[in-house]
């Protein structure tokens, strides 16, 4: 599987999130949430109507930093697997992007977000 570098691990604050625009030729951006040395990456599209999740750059988490939140509909998602816990898409999930971390860098499949 061909991969691309998403960012350095340190580009995402521990306990925070960060958005990434679509890859060249892509249509949908990605976002990442960091928990220590773990990074969870998802396609930036709410399963309810396909809108990007954030209204402000890099703001994907609720006030407590515990759940991913859709700014348009208020749906909340678990960080660990993207499952919608409440809102109009309850029981559905965000599109998970496989992640590989090596030498302080975060890699995703080259086709992620296409």
Protein backbone atom coordinates (compact mmCIF):
# COMPACT_ATOMS: atom_id res chain seq x y z
CA UNK A 1 0.00 0.00 0.00
CA UNK A 2 1.38 3.38 -0.95
CA UNK A 3 1.46 5.99 1.82
CA UNK A 4 1.89 9.71 2.23
CA UNK A 5 3.25 11.77 5.10
CA UNK A 6 0.40 13.54 6.88
CA UNK A 7 2.46 15.47 9.43
CA UNK A 8 4.95 15.24 12.25
CA UNK A 9 3.48 13.83 15.45
CA UNK A 10 4.38 17.07 17.23
CA UNK A 11 2.25 19.04 14.75
CA UNK A 12 -0.79 17.75 16.66
CA UNK A 13 -1.01 18.88 20.29
CA UNK A 14 -1.44 16.00 22.74
CA UNK A 15 -5.17 15.95 23.54
CA UNK A 16 -5.88 18.17 20.54
CA UNK A 17 -6.93 17.91 16.92
CA UNK A 18 -5.80 19.22 13.57
CA UNK A 19 -7.36 19.39 10.13
CA UNK A 20 -5.64 18.70 6.83
CA UNK A 21 -6.90 19.87 3.45
CA UNK A 22 -7.57 17.37 0.68
CA UNK A 23 -4.52 15.72 -0.84
CA UNK A 24 -3.59 16.83 -4.36
CA UNK A 25 -6.37 15.57 -6.60
CA UNK A 26 -8.53 14.77 -3.58
CA UNK A 27 -12.00 15.95 -2.71
CA UNK A 28 -12.23 15.58 1.06
CA UNK A 29 -9.83 16.62 3.79
CA UNK A 30 -8.76 14.62 6.80
CA UNK A 31 -8.43 15.39 10.48
CA UNK A 32 -6.44 13.85 13.28
CA UNK A 33 -6.86 13.62 17.04
CA UNK A 34 -3.87 12.85 19.26
CA UNK A 35 -3.93 10.96 22.54
CA UNK A 36 -0.35 10.61 23.74
CA UNK A 37 1.55 8.59 21.15
CA UNK A 38 -1.70 7.44 19.47
CA UNK A 39 -3.22 9.33 16.55
CA UNK A 40 -6.71 8.72 15.18
CA UNK A 41 -7.37 9.98 11.64
CA UNK A 42 -10.74 10.34 9.94
CA UNK A 43 -12.17 11.70 6.71
CA UNK A 44 -13.52 15.19 7.47
CA UNK A 45 -17.13 14.45 6.54
CA UNK A 46 -20.12 14.03 8.85
CA UNK A 47 -22.03 10.83 7.99
CA UNK A 48 -25.32 12.73 8.34
CA UNK A 49 -25.01 15.00 5.26
CA UNK A 50 -21.33 14.96 4.32
CA UNK A 51 -20.42 18.42 5.63
CA UNK A 52 -16.97 19.09 7.12
CA UNK A 53 -17.11 18.73 10.90
CA UNK A 54 -15.43 21.96 11.99
CA UNK A 55 -16.52 25.59 11.67
CA UNK A 56 -13.15 26.93 12.79
CA UNK A 57 -9.80 25.54 11.66
CA UNK A 58 -8.58 22.57 13.71
CA UNK A 59 -11.63 22.64 16.09
CA UNK A 60 -12.93 19.07 16.00
CA UNK A 61 -13.36 18.38 19.73
CA UNK A 62 -15.97 19.33 22.29
CA UNK A 63 -15.12 21.80 25.08
CA UNK A 64 -13.80 19.00 27.32
CA UNK A 65 -11.68 17.55 24.52
CA UNK A 66 -13.31 14.15 25.03
CA UNK A 67 -15.43 13.72 21.91
CA UNK A 68 -15.32 14.71 18.26
CA UNK A 69 -18.21 17.03 17.48
CA UNK A 70 -19.95 18.08 14.27
CA UNK A 71 -20.32 21.86 14.44
CA UNK A 72 -23.29 21.81 12.03
CA UNK A 73 -25.50 19.27 13.82
CA UNK A 74 -23.96 18.74 17.26
CA UNK A 75 -23.42 15.02 16.66
CA UNK A 76 -20.72 13.58 18.92
CA UNK A 77 -18.30 10.80 18.02
CA UNK A 78 -15.88 8.67 20.02
CA UNK A 79 -12.26 9.60 19.39
CA UNK A 80 -11.05 5.98 19.42
CA UNK A 81 -13.25 4.62 16.60
CA UNK A 82 -15.38 7.47 15.19
CA UNK A 83 -18.71 5.93 16.27
CA UNK A 84 -21.52 8.50 16.57
CA UNK A 85 -22.78 8.46 20.16
CA UNK A 86 -25.48 11.14 19.85
CA UNK A 87 -27.10 13.23 17.15
CA UNK A 88 -28.82 12.67 13.81
CA UNK A 89 -26.32 10.00 12.72
CA UNK A 90 -26.30 8.01 16.00
CA UNK A 91 -24.93 4.52 15.44
CA UNK A 92 -23.14 5.49 12.22
CA UNK A 93 -19.46 6.34 12.14
CA UNK A 94 -16.80 8.54 10.64
CA UNK A 95 -14.64 7.02 7.91
CA UNK A 96 -11.54 5.69 9.65
CA UNK A 97 -8.17 6.28 7.98
CA UNK A 98 -5.41 3.77 8.83
CA UNK A 99 -2.40 5.39 10.48
CA UNK A 100 1.23 4.41 10.82
CA UNK A 101 3.55 6.34 13.11
CA UNK A 102 7.26 6.02 12.55
CA UNK A 103 10.16 8.14 13.81
CA UNK A 104 7.81 10.89 14.99
CA UNK A 105 5.90 11.12 11.70
CA UNK A 106 2.28 10.22 10.90
CA UNK A 107 1.62 8.37 7.64
CA UNK A 108 -1.74 7.61 5.99
CA UNK A 109 -2.65 5.73 2.80
CA UNK A 110 -1.95 7.79 -0.32
CA UNK A 111 -5.59 7.49 -1.38
CA UNK A 112 -7.09 8.66 1.94
CA UNK A 113 -9.68 11.35 1.27
CA UNK A 114 -9.94 10.66 -2.47
